[in-house]
Amino acid sequence: MFRYAILIVFIALSFSQSFARRCGTVQFALNAENPEKRILAKPGFNNCTFADYYGTGEVLERRVLGEQNFIIYYKLEGVHAVKTERYIDSLAKYLTDAYKLHKHELGMKEIQSARQTFHYQKTVPLGFYPVEVIDTGLLRNGEGEYEGAFGLTLTPTKGSKATQIAIENDFFYGANCDGKLSTTPFPSIIHGDYSGDKWHLALKVTTFHELYHSFQLSQVDITNNNSFWLEASATGTEEIGAPEVDDYISYIYTKSLSPLGAFANLGQNMEQEDGYGHAVLYLFLHSELGSHFDSAIWDSFAKNPGNNFAMQLARVADALGKNPDTLFHKYATDIFYSGDRAEFSPYEYGVSSSLADMPKWPEWRINSNTQNNWNLPVGAINFILKTNEQHPKIDQAIKVSSLNYGDSSIWILSRLLEAEYIKPLPKGEFAAYPNPWNPRKTSDIKFKYLPENSKGIEIRSSNGSLLERIHSEAEKDPIWHPKRNPAPGILYYRSLPHGKTKVLIVEY
């Protein structure tokens, strides 16, 4: 029996006047640890005999062979039935395409496969990754909780990184207790809804999104504080893998086309939001840092699970030679030109740009300059209408610049890290590299992570003779280019003025 499941909800749209979403990633992890707090089934589902739904109709399977083998479990009758086998044909193709993107272009770590499926309870053949096609609103042991979920990535076994995917069978809201199928389609601002001939669009973005969660879970424990970026990055990959769908834009609009989330909540820590709307940050970083940047961020989460997203991004940016605060400020400056502002933009939004959709986005809100003190929290941006020449009073961690927009001037403020946070990477141990060092292969020896207050380094021979003294500040990594190659053996180096002596090996 399955007693534990961590569930990642892809999209849960309430059929109301707004396109609200919910993600069960953290909530279900907490419920698994605290069963008494389990969310009850929604009204209208409390008297259902759900076992009747599990066993109705034969469970078919489709095996998809390739670099990664998939096995798809589905039905052609009952409440979990697909309307056409073309649905399964398309899913098979999307799984293969998504795997290639995530594994090779995006550089994610390998996924791990559950050995028994959660809903149909099928034993999974070795070497296959399981995908169940079901009415997500009638997911086993979660009936009523996911009636608006496009898909879920779940871990059936506690403490394991082995996962599976469950994908909605028809993109209509779930059946009721009488077994009657819903005729209410999942809505879409971009496409009207996903019923009729639009199902392939929803299926494609769901597949790319959910399989990305599977890759994420192979690297991190989702119960840690990373749910914001969990959804932001998975949503961003939809646009990389399925740019023709543009479903991610739905996350930054309500039905009335007023801004939602990040585009309206300026001056707030972005990590306090659900993350979906911050797919735009993923697209920016993908363009600036390269396609493997997010794999590095998830590696950083795995090594530093207690740190927030801003710290993880700072580490990765620094390792790639980018100043993280400057990078974040460039993001704030670039994305100002969204919606109708694109006509003022200095940038070209060609088809090759990750931000090519910016004219389709809503405009970011501009705050009036009604106060003189703008102290942003970490991970926040703000756009302020400039009414005078007085520079905003800000602390040292906030970056500020000005731009002309139409007949107005705008202050752009951004802050990624804490004010007292100086280096995005903690100082490592003072070291010389490469060590051992072969001067015939490389003429330079570098020194990294000089201690605070260091005035430089000195290098001495094995008998104590001074070979070189290099004056350098601690913030810089000095390089030694010897005038004459030293003899093979042991050299010694230390930081000035009072550092401990360390060994440098010379070999030929």
Protein backbone atom coordinates (compact mmCIF):
# COMPACT_ATOMS: atom_id res chain seq x y z
CA MET A 1 0.00 0.00 0.00
CA PHE A 2 1.13 3.55 -0.68
CA ARG A 3 1.02 5.61 2.47
CA TYR A 4 3.09 8.52 1.35
CA ALA A 5 3.08 10.81 -1.63
CA ILE A 6 4.78 14.12 -2.30
CA LEU A 7 2.82 15.84 -5.03
CA ILE A 8 3.85 18.67 -7.31
CA VAL A 9 0.87 20.38 -8.85
CA PHE A 10 1.61 21.84 -12.26
CA ILE A 11 -1.43 24.02 -12.83
CA ALA A 12 -4.51 24.25 -10.65
CA LEU A 13 -6.82 26.81 -12.14
CA SER A 14 -9.92 27.72 -10.18
CA PHE A 15 -12.84 28.13 -12.54
CA SER A 16 -13.70 31.60 -11.36
CA GLN A 17 -13.13 35.19 -12.35
CA SER A 18 -9.40 34.78 -11.86
CA PHE A 19 -6.86 32.29 -13.04
CA ALA A 20 -5.63 31.30 -9.59
CA ARG A 21 -3.09 28.52 -9.17
CA ARG A 22 -2.01 26.33 -6.32
CA CYS A 23 0.96 24.04 -5.93
CA GLY A 24 0.84 21.09 -3.55
CA THR A 25 4.60 20.58 -3.43
CA VAL A 26 5.28 21.70 0.11
CA GLN A 27 1.75 21.20 1.45
CA PHE A 28 1.63 17.50 0.65
CA ALA A 29 5.11 16.97 2.00
CA LEU A 30 3.93 18.48 5.26
CA ASN A 31 0.74 16.42 5.18
CA ALA A 32 2.79 13.27 4.73
CA GLU A 33 4.68 14.08 7.90
CA ASN A 34 1.49 15.14 9.71
CA PRO A 35 -1.31 12.82 8.53
CA GLU A 36 -3.78 14.37 10.97
CA LYS A 37 -3.55 17.59 9.00
CA ARG A 38 -4.40 15.97 5.68
CA ILE A 39 -6.57 18.17 3.51
CA LEU A 40 -10.10 16.76 3.29
CA ALA A 41 -11.73 16.08 -0.05
CA LYS A 42 -13.57 19.02 -1.52
CA PRO A 43 -17.32 19.38 -0.99
CA GLY A 44 -19.22 17.06 -3.30
CA PHE A 45 -16.57 14.35 -3.10
CA ASN A 46 -16.97 13.27 0.52
CA ASN A 47 -19.49 10.50 -0.22
CA CYS A 48 -17.84 9.04 -3.30
CA THR A 49 -16.86 5.38 -3.51
CA PHE A 50 -13.57 6.03 -5.19
CA ALA A 51 -12.54 2.39 -5.41
CA ASP A 52 -15.16 2.06 -8.14
CA TYR A 53 -13.20 4.54 -10.20
CA TYR A 54 -9.85 2.80 -9.78
CA GLY A 55 -10.92 -0.52 -11.26
CA THR A 56 -13.25 0.56 -14.06
CA GLY A 57 -11.91 -0.42 -17.47
CA GLU A 58 -8.70 -2.11 -18.53
CA VAL A 59 -5.42 -0.31 -17.89
CA LEU A 60 -3.48 -0.24 -21.15
CA GLU A 61 0.18 0.54 -21.56
CA ARG A 62 2.33 2.16 -24.23
CA ARG A 63 6.09 1.66 -24.17
CA VAL A 64 8.22 4.45 -25.57
CA LEU A 65 11.74 3.31 -26.37
CA GLY A 66 14.67 5.70 -26.64
CA GLU A 67 17.57 7.13 -24.66
CA GLN A 68 15.13 7.17 -21.75
CA ASN A 69 12.37 4.55 -21.91
CA PHE A 70 8.91 5.60 -20.79
CA ILE A 71 5.85 3.50 -20.03
CA ILE A 72 2.45 5.21 -20.28
CA TYR A 73 -0.53 3.73 -18.43
CA TYR A 74 -3.96 4.82 -19.66
CA LYS A 75 -7.59 3.80 -20.19
CA LEU A 76 -10.05 3.95 -23.07
CA GLU A 77 -13.18 3.65 -20.91
CA GLY A 78 -14.43 4.98 -17.60
CA VAL A 79 -13.77 8.35 -15.98
CA HIS A 80 -10.02 8.14 -16.62
CA ALA A 81 -10.37 7.44 -20.34
CA VAL A 82 -8.67 9.43 -23.07
CA LYS A 83 -10.92 10.45 -25.94
CA THR A 84 -8.50 9.32 -28.64
CA GLU A 85 -5.33 7.23 -28.84
CA ARG A 86 -3.75 10.18 -30.64
CA TYR A 87 -3.54 11.64 -27.15
CA ILE A 88 -1.13 8.87 -26.18
CA ASP A 89 0.78 9.16 -29.46
CA SER A 90 1.34 12.86 -28.78
CA LEU A 91 2.29 12.27 -25.15
CA ALA A 92 4.91 9.73 -26.24
CA LYS A 93 6.49 12.26 -28.58
CA TYR A 94 6.40 15.09 -26.06
CA LEU A 95 8.04 12.92 -23.38
CA THR A 96 10.91 12.07 -25.74
CA ASP A 97 11.36 15.69 -26.81
CA ALA A 98 11.18 17.00 -23.23
CA TYR A 99 13.73 14.45 -22.00
CA LYS A 100 16.22 15.46 -24.70
CA LEU A 101 15.77 19.14 -23.86
CA HIS A 102 16.11 18.78 -20.09
CA LYS A 103 18.94 16.26 -20.14
CA HIS A 104 21.12 17.60 -22.93
CA GLU A 105 20.34 21.24 -23.69
CA LEU A 106 19.57 22.21 -20.09
CA GLY A 107 22.11 19.83 -18.49
CA MET A 108 19.90 18.44 -15.74
CA LYS A 109 20.84 15.32 -13.75
CA GLU A 110 19.27 11.97 -14.62
CA ILE A 111 15.71 11.20 -13.51
CA GLN A 112 14.92 8.27 -11.21
CA SER A 113 11.91 6.01 -11.82
CA ALA A 114 9.32 4.84 -9.29
CA ARG A 115 8.98 1.07 -9.15
CA GLN A 116 5.20 1.04 -8.66
CA THR A 117 2.70 3.63 -9.81
CA PHE A 118 0.61 5.54 -7.32
CA HIS A 119 -2.81 5.55 -8.97
CA TYR A 120 -3.14 2.38 -11.07
CA GLN A 121 -0.63 0.59 -8.80
CA LYS A 122 1.22 -1.01 -11.67
CA THR A 123 4.65 -2.59 -11.25
CA VAL A 124 7.03 -0.65 -13.49
CA PRO A 125 9.44 -2.69 -15.68
CA LEU A 126 13.11 -2.03 -15.04
CA GLY A 127 14.52 0.69 -17.24
CA PHE A 128 11.21 2.50 -17.75
CA TYR A 129 9.91 5.77 -16.32
CA PRO A 130 6.15 5.64 -15.51
CA VAL A 131 3.52 8.14 -16.64
CA GLU A 132 -0.14 7.66 -15.68
CA VAL A 133 -2.92 9.34 -17.67
CA ILE A 134 -5.84 9.89 -15.30
CA ASP A 135 -8.58 12.28 -14.31
CA THR A 136 -6.39 14.25 -11.90
CA GLY A 137 -9.46 15.29 -9.93
CA LEU A 138 -9.89 11.64 -8.95
CA LEU A 139 -6.29 10.85 -8.09
CA ARG A 140 -6.13 7.97 -5.62
CA ASN A 141 -6.20 9.22 -2.01
CA GLY A 142 -6.44 12.82 -3.20
CA GLU A 143 -9.93 12.92 -4.65
CA GLY A 144 -11.25 16.40 -5.18
CA GLU A 145 -7.95 18.11 -4.39
CA TYR A 146 -6.68 18.25 -7.98
CA GLU A 147 -9.82 18.72 -10.06
CA GLY A 148 -8.12 21.63 -11.84
CA ALA A 149 -4.60 20.18 -12.06
CA PHE A 150 -3.08 19.71 -15.50
CA GLY A 151 -0.55 17.25 -14.10
CA LEU A 152 1.44 16.16 -11.07
CA THR A 153 4.89 14.80 -10.41
CA LEU A 154 4.85 12.61 -7.33
CA THR A 155 7.13 10.49 -5.21
CA PRO A 156 5.25 7.38 -4.04
CA THR A 157 7.94 6.30 -1.56
CA LYS A 158 9.06 8.41 1.39
CA GLY A 159 12.69 9.44 1.32
CA SER A 160 13.18 8.38 -2.31
CA LYS A 161 14.01 10.52 -5.31
CA ALA A 162 12.26 8.04 -7.59
CA THR A 163 9.28 9.74 -9.19
CA GLN A 164 6.45 9.32 -11.66
CA ILE A 165 4.12 11.66 -13.51
CA ALA A 166 0.32 11.79 -13.56
CA ILE A 167 -1.20 13.78 -16.44
CA GLU A 168 -4.79 14.92 -16.93
CA ASN A 169 -6.75 12.74 -19.37
CA ASP A 170 -8.94 15.35 -21.09
CA PHE A 171 -8.36 18.81 -19.52
CA PHE A 172 -11.91 18.98 -18.23
CA TYR A 173 -12.73 19.33 -14.55
CA GLY A 174 -13.09 16.01 -12.72
CA ALA A 175 -16.08 13.67 -12.67
CA ASN A 176 -18.54 13.86 -9.79
CA CYS A 177 -19.79 11.19 -7.38
CA ASP A 178 -22.36 9.98 -9.90
CA GLY A 179 -19.59 9.25 -12.39
CA LYS A 180 -20.78 11.99 -14.75
CA LEU A 181 -17.99 13.57 -16.76
CA SER A 182 -17.51 17.30 -16.53
CA THR A 183 -18.17 19.48 -19.53
CA THR A 184 -16.29 22.45 -18.02
CA PRO A 185 -12.92 22.82 -19.79
CA PHE A 186 -9.73 24.06 -18.23
CA PRO A 187 -9.55 27.75 -19.19
CA SER A 188 -6.73 29.54 -20.95
CA ILE A 189 -6.35 33.27 -21.46
CA ILE A 190 -4.15 32.63 -24.48
CA HIS A 191 -6.26 29.94 -26.18
CA GLY A 192 -9.74 30.42 -24.75
CA ASP A 193 -9.78 26.96 -23.21
CA TYR A 194 -8.10 23.60 -23.71
CA SER A 195 -11.12 21.62 -24.86
CA GLY A 196 -11.87 20.45 -28.37
CA ASP A 197 -8.87 20.64 -30.68
CA LYS A 198 -6.69 22.55 -28.15
CA TRP A 199 -5.83 19.55 -25.95
CA HIS A 200 -2.46 19.01 -27.64
CA LEU A 201 -1.28 22.47 -26.52
CA ALA A 202 -2.09 21.77 -22.86
CA LEU A 203 -0.60 18.29 -23.12
CA LYS A 204 2.67 19.61 -24.54
CA VAL A 205 3.34 22.27 -21.92
CA THR A 206 2.24 19.89 -19.14
CA THR A 207 4.70 17.26 -20.31
CA PHE A 208 7.62 19.67 -20.49
CA HIS A 209 6.72 21.14 -17.09
CA GLU A 210 6.16 17.90 -15.21
CA LEU A 211 9.19 16.09 -16.59
CA TYR A 212 11.29 19.05 -15.49
CA HIS A 213 9.97 18.51 -11.97
CA SER A 214 11.16 14.91 -12.25
CA PHE A 215 14.65 16.14 -13.05
CA GLN A 216 14.53 18.67 -10.20
CA LEU A 217 13.57 15.98 -7.70
CA SER A 218 16.57 13.90 -8.67
CA GLN A 219 18.76 16.75 -7.36
CA VAL A 220 16.94 18.26 -4.38
CA ASP A 221 14.67 17.60 -1.45
CA ILE A 222 11.51 19.54 -2.30
CA THR A 223 10.57 19.99 1.35
CA ASN A 224 13.27 22.65 1.64
CA ASN A 225 12.64 26.32 0.91
CA ASN A 226 12.83 26.20 -2.87
CA SER A 227 9.19 25.94 -3.95
CA PHE A 228 9.33 29.44 -5.50
CA TRP A 229 12.02 28.48 -7.99
CA LEU A 230 10.63 24.97 -8.35
CA GLU A 231 7.65 26.36 -10.24
CA ALA A 232 9.32 29.41 -11.80
CA SER A 233 11.95 27.31 -13.56
CA ALA A 234 9.59 24.50 -14.59
CA THR A 235 7.26 27.10 -16.09
CA GLY A 236 10.16 28.79 -17.86
CA THR A 237 11.15 25.53 -19.54
CA GLU A 238 7.72 25.37 -21.14
CA GLU A 239 8.61 28.40 -23.23
CA ILE A 240 11.98 26.89 -24.15
CA GLY A 241 10.41 23.58 -25.22
CA ALA A 242 7.03 24.76 -26.50
CA PRO A 243 7.36 28.42 -27.53
CA GLU A 244 4.32 28.23 -29.78
CA VAL A 245 1.97 27.66 -26.82
CA ASP A 246 2.80 30.74 -24.68
CA ASP A 247 0.85 29.27 -21.77
CA TYR A 248 3.28 30.81 -19.26
CA ILE A 249 1.85 34.24 -20.10
CA SER A 250 -1.42 33.17 -18.46
CA TYR A 251 0.37 33.28 -15.11
CA ILE A 252 0.88 37.04 -15.29
CA TYR A 253 -2.69 37.93 -16.21
CA THR A 254 -6.10 37.59 -14.61
CA LYS A 255 -9.22 37.06 -16.68
CA SER A 256 -9.82 40.81 -16.75
CA LEU A 257 -6.28 41.29 -18.07
CA SER A 258 -5.09 43.17 -14.99
CA PRO A 259 -1.57 42.33 -13.82
CA LEU A 260 -1.13 39.53 -11.33
CA GLY A 261 1.78 38.56 -9.09
CA ALA A 262 5.22 39.88 -9.94
CA PHE A 263 4.04 42.49 -12.40
CA ALA A 264 1.90 44.23 -9.79
CA ASN A 265 3.63 43.45 -6.49
CA LEU A 266 6.69 45.63 -6.96
CA GLY A 267 8.91 46.30 -3.99
CA GLN A 268 8.17 42.83 -2.59
CA ASN A 269 10.44 39.82 -2.18
CA MET A 270 9.74 37.70 -5.25
CA GLU A 271 10.22 34.52 -3.20
CA GLN A 272 7.05 35.29 -1.27
CA GLU A 273 5.03 34.58 -4.43
CA ASP A 274 4.09 31.23 -5.96
CA GLY A 275 6.77 31.47 -8.64
CA TYR A 276 4.78 30.80 -11.81
CA GLY A 277 4.88 34.42 -12.98
CA HIS A 278 8.64 34.52 -12.44
CA ALA A 279 9.14 32.24 -15.41
CA VAL A 280 10.18 35.53 -17.02
CA LEU A 281 13.24 35.60 -14.73
CA TYR A 282 14.11 32.06 -15.84
CA LEU A 283 13.96 33.18 -19.49
CA PHE A 284 16.23 36.14 -18.77
CA LEU A 285 18.80 34.03 -16.91
CA HIS A 286 18.72 31.37 -19.62
CA SER A 287 19.66 34.08 -22.11
CA GLU A 288 22.33 35.69 -19.91
CA LEU A 289 23.97 32.71 -18.19
CA GLY A 290 23.54 29.91 -20.71
CA SER A 291 21.29 26.88 -20.89
CA HIS A 292 22.98 24.97 -18.01
CA PHE A 293 22.55 27.72 -15.44
CA ASP A 294 19.52 26.15 -13.74
CA SER A 295 21.14 22.76 -13.31
CA ALA A 296 23.88 24.63 -11.43
CA ILE A 297 21.25 26.36 -9.29
CA TRP A 298 19.69 23.02 -8.31
CA ASP A 299 23.13 21.65 -7.52
CA SER A 300 23.61 24.67 -5.28
CA PHE A 301 20.26 23.98 -3.59
CA ALA A 302 21.39 20.40 -2.97
CA LYS A 303 24.66 21.55 -1.36
CA ASN A 304 23.17 24.53 0.51
CA PRO A 305 19.55 23.55 1.27
CA GLY A 306 19.10 26.22 3.91
CA ASN A 307 19.83 29.14 1.57
CA ASN A 308 17.19 31.00 -0.38
CA PHE A 309 17.02 31.35 -4.15
CA ALA A 310 18.78 34.72 -4.18
CA MET A 311 21.84 33.17 -2.53
CA GLN A 312 21.82 30.22 -4.95
CA LEU A 313 21.64 32.54 -7.94
CA ALA A 314 24.46 34.68 -6.51
CA ARG A 315 26.72 31.63 -6.22
CA VAL A 316 26.05 30.49 -9.76
CA ALA A 317 26.40 33.97 -11.26
CA ASP A 318 29.66 34.56 -9.42
CA ALA A 319 31.05 31.21 -10.61
CA LEU A 320 30.23 32.29 -14.18
CA GLY A 321 32.05 35.58 -13.73
CA LYS A 322 28.91 37.72 -13.35
CA ASN A 323 28.25 40.15 -10.52
CA PRO A 324 24.90 38.90 -9.18
CA ASP A 325 23.52 42.30 -8.17
CA THR A 326 24.49 43.80 -11.52
CA LEU A 327 22.89 40.83 -13.29
CA PHE A 328 19.66 41.26 -11.33
CA HIS A 329 19.63 44.98 -12.05
CA LYS A 330 20.01 44.29 -15.76
CA TYR A 331 16.95 42.06 -15.46
CA ALA A 332 15.01 44.87 -13.80
CA THR A 333 16.07 47.31 -16.50
CA ASP A 334 15.31 44.99 -19.42
CA ILE A 335 11.87 43.82 -18.31
CA PHE A 336 10.58 47.36 -17.80
CA TYR A 337 9.89 47.37 -21.53
CA SER A 338 6.93 45.00 -21.44
CA GLY A 339 3.52 45.35 -23.03
CA ASP A 340 2.93 48.65 -24.82
CA ARG A 341 6.27 49.95 -23.55
CA ALA A 342 8.03 47.67 -26.03
CA GLU A 343 7.74 50.44 -28.64
CA PHE A 344 10.11 52.52 -26.50
CA SER A 345 12.53 49.65 -25.98
CA PRO A 346 16.16 49.92 -27.03
CA TYR A 347 16.22 46.13 -27.51
CA GLU A 348 15.33 44.03 -30.52
CA TYR A 349 12.81 41.34 -29.64
CA GLY A 350 13.57 38.89 -32.44
CA VAL A 351 12.46 35.28 -32.57
CA SER A 352 15.83 34.18 -31.19
CA SER A 353 15.43 36.20 -28.01
CA SER A 354 14.21 34.53 -24.81
CA LEU A 355 12.29 37.74 -24.19
CA ALA A 356 10.66 37.85 -27.61
CA ASP A 357 7.19 37.74 -26.03
CA MET A 358 7.61 40.91 -23.97
CA PRO A 359 5.19 42.93 -26.15
CA LYS A 360 2.52 40.35 -25.18
CA TRP A 361 3.12 40.81 -21.44
CA PRO A 362 1.24 43.30 -19.26
CA GLU A 363 3.09 46.46 -18.33
CA TRP A 364 4.88 46.50 -15.02
CA ARG A 365 3.34 48.89 -12.53
CA ILE A 366 5.05 52.22 -11.86
CA ASN A 367 4.93 53.69 -8.36
CA SER A 368 4.58 57.42 -7.85
CA ASN A 369 7.49 59.11 -6.14
CA THR A 370 5.54 60.04 -3.02
CA GLN A 371 8.21 59.19 -0.47
CA ASN A 372 11.94 59.63 -0.20
CA ASN A 373 12.94 56.33 1.36
CA TRP A 374 12.89 53.22 -0.82
CA ASN A 375 14.32 50.31 1.15
CA LEU A 376 13.72 47.19 -0.90
CA PRO A 377 13.74 43.70 0.61
CA VAL A 378 16.02 41.10 -0.96
CA GLY A 379 14.96 39.78 -4.34
CA ALA A 380 12.84 42.83 -5.21
CA ILE A 381 12.59 45.42 -7.96
CA ASN A 382 10.70 48.69 -8.23
CA PHE A 383 9.92 51.22 -10.93
CA ILE A 384 9.42 54.76 -9.58
CA LEU A 385 8.15 57.75 -11.49
CA LYS A 386 10.84 60.40 -11.23
CA THR A 387 9.29 63.75 -10.35
CA ASN A 388 12.46 65.61 -9.46
CA GLU A 389 16.22 65.34 -9.64
CA GLN A 390 16.61 64.19 -6.04
CA HIS A 391 18.25 60.76 -5.89
CA PRO A 392 16.20 58.20 -3.91
CA LYS A 393 17.50 57.55 -0.41
CA ILE A 394 18.57 53.92 -0.50
CA ASP A 395 20.99 51.68 1.35
CA GLN A 396 24.20 50.43 -0.18
CA ALA A 397 22.75 47.11 -1.34
CA ILE A 398 20.21 48.70 -3.70
CA LYS A 399 21.17 49.46 -7.28
CA VAL A 400 19.48 52.39 -8.95
CA SER A 401 19.50 53.81 -12.46
CA SER A 402 17.34 56.14 -14.47
CA LEU A 403 15.83 55.90 -17.93
CA ASN A 404 13.71 58.09 -20.15
CA TYR A 405 10.35 56.62 -21.01
CA GLY A 406 8.11 58.61 -23.31
CA ASP A 407 7.89 62.05 -21.75
CA SER A 408 8.70 60.73 -18.27
CA SER A 409 11.75 59.63 -16.33
CA ILE A 410 11.80 56.45 -14.30
CA TRP A 411 14.00 55.34 -11.42
CA ILE A 412 14.77 51.61 -11.60
CA LEU A 413 15.63 50.09 -8.23
CA SER A 414 16.72 46.51 -7.59
CA ARG A 415 18.13 44.48 -4.75
CA LEU A 416 19.09 40.84 -4.87
CA LEU A 417 21.10 40.29 -1.67
CA GLU A 418 21.28 41.51 1.91
CA ALA A 419 23.11 44.77 2.55
CA GLU A 420 25.77 43.08 4.65
CA TYR A 421 26.35 40.36 2.07
CA ILE A 422 29.59 41.30 0.35
CA LYS A 423 30.77 38.20 -1.50
CA PRO A 424 28.21 35.89 -3.15
CA LEU A 425 30.59 33.01 -2.61
CA PRO A 426 32.04 32.31 0.86
CA LYS A 427 35.78 32.46 1.03
CA GLY A 428 37.40 29.13 0.38
CA GLU A 429 40.74 27.94 1.65
CA PHE A 430 43.71 29.96 0.40
CA ALA A 431 45.27 27.83 -2.33
CA ALA A 432 47.63 27.78 -5.29
CA TYR A 433 46.49 26.11 -8.48
CA PRO A 434 47.23 24.07 -10.36
CA ASN A 435 49.00 22.19 -7.60
CA PRO A 436 51.07 20.14 -8.54
CA TRP A 437 52.28 22.64 -11.12
CA ASN A 438 54.12 21.82 -14.35
CA PRO A 439 55.69 25.03 -15.74
CA ARG A 440 56.25 23.35 -19.12
CA LYS A 441 52.49 23.02 -19.63
CA THR A 442 51.40 26.32 -18.14
CA SER A 443 53.59 29.29 -17.34
CA ASP A 444 51.36 30.80 -14.68
CA ILE A 445 50.41 29.80 -11.15
CA LYS A 446 47.31 31.40 -9.64
CA PHE A 447 46.44 32.02 -6.03
CA LYS A 448 42.84 32.13 -4.89
CA TYR A 449 40.92 33.17 -1.77
CA LEU A 450 43.50 35.36 -0.09
CA PRO A 451 42.65 35.91 3.58
CA GLU A 452 41.07 39.19 4.66
CA ASN A 453 43.56 42.03 5.12
CA SER A 454 46.08 40.20 2.98
CA LYS A 455 48.71 42.43 1.35
CA GLY A 456 49.79 39.83 -1.20
CA ILE A 457 51.84 36.63 -1.32
CA GLU A 458 55.43 35.49 -1.32
CA ILE A 459 56.94 32.33 -2.83
CA ARG A 460 60.16 30.76 -1.50
CA SER A 461 62.36 27.83 -2.52
CA SER A 462 62.79 24.71 -0.40
CA ASN A 463 65.86 26.28 1.26
CA GLY A 464 63.96 29.47 2.12
CA SER A 465 65.24 31.75 -0.63
CA LEU A 466 62.73 34.35 -1.75
CA LEU A 467 61.64 33.71 -5.35
CA GLU A 468 58.87 36.27 -5.70
CA ARG A 469 56.81 38.70 -3.66
CA ILE A 470 53.52 39.83 -5.24
CA HIS A 471 51.59 42.70 -3.69
CA SER A 472 47.84 42.28 -4.08
CA GLU A 473 44.62 43.09 -2.27
CA ALA A 474 42.51 40.30 -0.81
CA GLU A 475 39.73 40.95 -3.35
CA LYS A 476 42.06 40.05 -6.25
CA ASP A 477 43.56 36.70 -7.19
CA PRO A 478 47.29 37.25 -7.85
CA ILE A 479 49.12 35.38 -10.62
CA TRP A 480 52.79 34.37 -10.53
CA HIS A 481 54.61 34.33 -13.85
CA PRO A 482 58.18 33.31 -12.93
CA LYS A 483 61.01 34.78 -14.96
CA ARG A 484 62.77 31.42 -14.80
CA ASN A 485 61.23 27.97 -14.34
CA PRO A 486 61.96 26.62 -10.85
CA ALA A 487 63.57 23.24 -10.34
CA PRO A 488 61.18 20.32 -9.68
CA GLY A 489 60.45 19.73 -6.02
CA ILE A 490 58.84 21.63 -3.16
CA LEU A 491 58.20 25.36 -3.03
CA TYR A 492 56.54 27.28 -0.22
CA TYR A 493 54.06 30.16 -0.35
CA ARG A 494 52.18 32.23 2.19
CA SER A 495 49.93 35.28 2.33
CA LEU A 496 51.42 38.55 3.54
CA PRO A 497 52.07 39.77 6.08
CA HIS A 498 51.56 36.89 8.57
CA GLY A 499 50.08 33.92 6.70
CA LYS A 500 50.99 30.30 7.40
CA THR A 501 53.38 28.59 5.02
CA LYS A 502 51.86 26.18 2.48
CA VAL A 503 53.36 23.71 0.01
CA LEU A 504 53.45 24.09 -3.77
CA ILE A 505 54.69 21.05 -5.74
CA VAL A 506 56.64 21.52 -8.98
CA GLU A 507 56.83 18.53 -11.33
CA TYR A 508 57.99 17.86 -14.89
